[in-house]
C-alpha atoms as a PDB file:
ATOM      1  CA  MET A   1      -0.283  -0.387  -0.328  1.00  0.00           C
ATOM      2  CA  SER A   2       1.239   3.328  -0.910  1.00  0.00           C
ATOM      3  CA  ASP A   3       1.612   6.713   0.873  1.00  0.00           C
ATOM      4  CA  ARG A   4      -0.827   8.889  -0.354  1.00  0.00           C
ATOM      5  CA  PRO A   5       1.035  12.172  -1.640  1.00  0.00           C
ATOM      6  CA  ILE A   6       0.811  15.360   0.607  1.00  0.00           C
ATOM      7  CA  VAL A   7      -1.407  18.126  -0.859  1.00  0.00           C
ATOM      8  CA  ASP A   8      -0.823  21.531  -0.081  1.00  0.00           C
ATOM      9  CA  ARG A   9      -4.015  23.437   1.120  1.00  0.00           C
ATOM     10  CA  THR A  10      -2.816  26.626   1.194  1.00  0.00           C
ATOM     11  CA  PRO A  11      -4.694  29.069  -0.892  1.00  0.00           C
ATOM     12  CA  PHE A  12      -2.316  30.288  -4.291  1.00  0.00           C
ATOM     13  CA  PRO A  13      -0.562  33.436  -3.635  1.00  0.00           C
ATOM     14  CA  VAL A  14      -2.094  35.103  -6.911  1.00  0.00           C
ATOM     15  CA  TYR A  15      -5.644  34.083  -6.562  1.00  0.00           C
ATOM     16  CA  SER A  16      -4.890  35.027  -2.337  1.00  0.00           C
ATOM     17  CA  ALA A  17      -3.958  38.680  -3.727  1.00  0.00           C
ATOM     18  CA  LEU A  18      -6.668  38.782  -6.431  1.00  0.00           C
ATOM     19  CA  VAL A  19      -9.344  37.808  -3.394  1.00  0.00           C
ATOM     20  CA  THR A  20      -8.022  40.647  -1.888  1.00  0.00           C
ATOM     21  CA  GLN A  21      -8.600  43.111  -4.227  1.00  0.00           C
ATOM     22  CA  TRP A  22     -11.804  42.324  -4.727  1.00  0.00           C
ATOM     23  CA  VAL A  23     -13.081  42.193  -1.181  1.00  0.00           C
ATOM     24  CA  GLN A  24     -11.382  45.610  -1.075  1.00  0.00           C
ATOM     25  CA  ALA A  25     -13.758  46.951  -4.112  1.00  0.00           C
ATOM     26  CA  GLY A  26     -16.524  45.362  -2.896  1.00  0.00           C
ATOM     27  CA  ARG A  27     -16.889  43.139  -5.929  1.00  0.00           C
ATOM     28  CA  THR A  28     -18.667  39.451  -5.342  1.00  0.00           C
ATOM     29  CA  VAL A  29     -15.853  36.992  -4.641  1.00  0.00           C
ATOM     30  CA  PRO A  30     -16.612  33.389  -5.382  1.00  0.00           C
ATOM     31  CA  GLY A  31     -17.307  30.796  -2.610  1.00  0.00           C
ATOM     32  CA  MET A  32     -18.024  33.663  -0.263  1.00  0.00           C
ATOM     33  CA  PRO A  33     -21.573  34.898   0.449  1.00  0.00           C
ATOM     34  CA  ASP A  34     -22.765  37.347  -2.112  1.00  0.00           C
ATOM     35  CA  ARG A  35     -25.660  40.003   0.428  1.00  0.00           C
ATOM     36  CA  GLU A  36     -26.998  41.761  -2.910  1.00  0.00           C
ATOM     37  CA  TRP A  37     -28.071  37.957  -4.443  1.00  0.00           C
ATOM     38  CA  GLU A  38     -29.454  36.864  -1.601  1.00  0.00           C
ATOM     39  CA  ARG A  39     -31.561  39.848  -0.617  1.00  0.00           C
ATOM     40  CA  LEU A  40     -32.734  39.583  -4.836  1.00  0.00           C
ATOM     41  CA  MET A  41     -33.455  35.837  -4.204  1.00  0.00           C
ATOM     42  CA  ALA A  42     -35.557  36.735  -1.132  1.00  0.00           C
ATOM     43  CA  THR A  43     -37.757  39.090  -2.865  1.00  0.00           C
ATOM     44  CA  PRO A  44     -40.664  38.183  -4.534  1.00  0.00           C
ATOM     45  CA  VAL A  45     -40.611  38.504  -8.181  1.00  0.00           C
ATOM     46  CA  TRP A  46     -44.317  38.947  -8.431  1.00  0.00           C
ATOM     47  CA  PRO A  47     -46.285  41.355  -6.485  1.00  0.00           C
ATOM     48  CA  ARG A  48     -49.053  40.011  -4.073  1.00  0.00           C
ATOM     49  CA  SER A  49     -52.338  39.944  -5.215  1.00  0.00           C
END
């Protein structure tokens, strides 16, 4: 039985820097909650009768 390879779980530096920039700019970041989208999805599409 062979040993499983060790997987590096640290984020890629380029991706980390990009995520930091996007968060600081108020942009949507993959894998993080999007408050505006959640609000839009919670709002009824059609007015109630």
